[in-house]
Amino acid sequence: MADNGDERPQLHIPHPPDIDQGVQAFLWAIVLGFLIWLFLMGIGSSVAFATVIGALATAGIFFAVRIFGEEQLGRTPGDGR
């Protein structure tokens, strides 16, 4: 194949930005806690009960995602690193 001098630069595929684990945990907790609150309101719970349970669920989800949600890509268990 002849070189015609038409060399195009390779296309750069953008990657999503790195988001800190704490920010990810906070976002998951807020969204899922709000959905739990909406569900409780939808089934006829009182506002106070739904708010308390939603807040407790939000805190629990935050800590669960913060502690157990980190995934180290490219590493498999037992690979010796």
Protein backbone atom coordinates (compact mmCIF):
# COMPACT_ATOMS: atom_id res chain seq x y z
CA MET A 1 0.00 0.00 0.00
CA ALA A 2 1.44 3.34 -0.98
CA ASP A 3 1.98 6.12 1.55
CA ASN A 4 0.08 9.12 0.25
CA GLY A 5 1.02 11.43 3.12
CA ASP A 6 -2.53 11.49 4.49
CA GLU A 7 -1.76 10.47 8.05
CA ARG A 8 -4.60 11.26 10.39
CA PRO A 9 -4.07 11.39 14.11
CA GLN A 10 -5.62 8.52 16.02
CA LEU A 11 -9.01 9.21 17.47
CA HIS A 12 -8.88 9.80 21.22
CA ILE A 13 -11.74 8.10 23.01
CA PRO A 14 -12.59 10.14 26.10
CA HIS A 15 -12.85 8.36 29.43
CA PRO A 16 -15.22 9.37 32.18
CA PRO A 17 -13.55 11.34 34.97
CA ASP A 18 -12.37 9.60 38.09
CA ILE A 19 -14.85 10.20 40.86
CA ASP A 20 -13.76 9.75 44.46
CA GLN A 21 -15.22 6.75 46.29
CA GLY A 22 -16.80 8.99 48.93
CA VAL A 23 -18.62 11.04 46.29
CA GLN A 24 -19.89 7.88 44.61
CA ALA A 25 -21.07 6.52 47.96
CA PHE A 26 -22.84 9.81 48.73
CA LEU A 27 -24.63 9.88 45.37
CA TRP A 28 -25.75 6.25 45.64
CA ALA A 29 -26.97 6.86 49.19
CA ILE A 30 -28.94 10.01 48.30
CA VAL A 31 -30.62 8.44 45.27
CA LEU A 32 -31.51 5.14 46.91
CA GLY A 33 -32.54 6.80 50.19
CA PHE A 34 -34.85 9.11 48.25
CA LEU A 35 -36.36 6.14 46.41
CA ILE A 36 -36.98 4.37 49.72
CA TRP A 37 -38.61 7.53 51.08
CA LEU A 38 -40.80 7.79 47.96
CA PHE A 39 -41.81 4.15 48.27
CA LEU A 40 -42.76 4.60 51.91
CA MET A 41 -44.79 7.70 51.07
CA GLY A 42 -46.44 5.82 48.22
CA ILE A 43 -47.65 2.99 50.43
CA GLY A 44 -49.19 5.42 52.91
CA SER A 45 -46.61 5.69 55.70
CA SER A 46 -46.51 8.85 57.77
CA VAL A 47 -44.09 11.57 56.73
CA ALA A 48 -42.14 11.25 60.00
CA PHE A 49 -41.74 7.47 59.68
CA ALA A 50 -40.75 7.69 56.02
CA THR A 51 -38.21 10.42 56.78
CA VAL A 52 -36.58 8.53 59.65
CA ILE A 53 -36.39 5.25 57.72
CA GLY A 54 -35.17 7.07 54.59
CA ALA A 55 -32.45 8.85 56.58
CA LEU A 56 -31.32 5.62 58.27
CA ALA A 57 -31.29 3.82 54.93
CA THR A 58 -29.30 6.67 53.37
CA ALA A 59 -26.69 6.47 56.13
CA GLY A 60 -26.49 2.68 55.89
CA ILE A 61 -26.18 2.74 52.10
CA PHE A 62 -23.48 5.43 52.31
CA PHE A 63 -21.34 3.41 54.69
CA ALA A 64 -21.93 0.13 52.84
CA VAL A 65 -20.90 1.61 49.49
CA ARG A 66 -18.02 3.53 51.07
CA ILE A 67 -16.59 0.46 52.78
CA PHE A 68 -17.43 -2.38 50.40
CA GLY A 69 -17.93 -0.59 47.08
CA GLU A 70 -14.35 -0.02 45.99
CA GLU A 71 -13.35 -2.17 43.06
CA GLN A 72 -9.74 -2.42 42.00
CA LEU A 73 -9.75 -3.00 38.29
CA GLY A 74 -7.19 -5.28 36.73
CA ARG A 75 -6.55 -7.28 39.86
CA THR A 76 -7.93 -10.69 40.53
CA PRO A 77 -7.90 -12.44 43.89
CA GLY A 78 -4.79 -14.53 44.38
CA ASP A 79 -2.69 -13.01 41.59
CA GLY A 80 0.15 -12.40 44.07
CA ARG A 81 0.33 -8.60 43.94
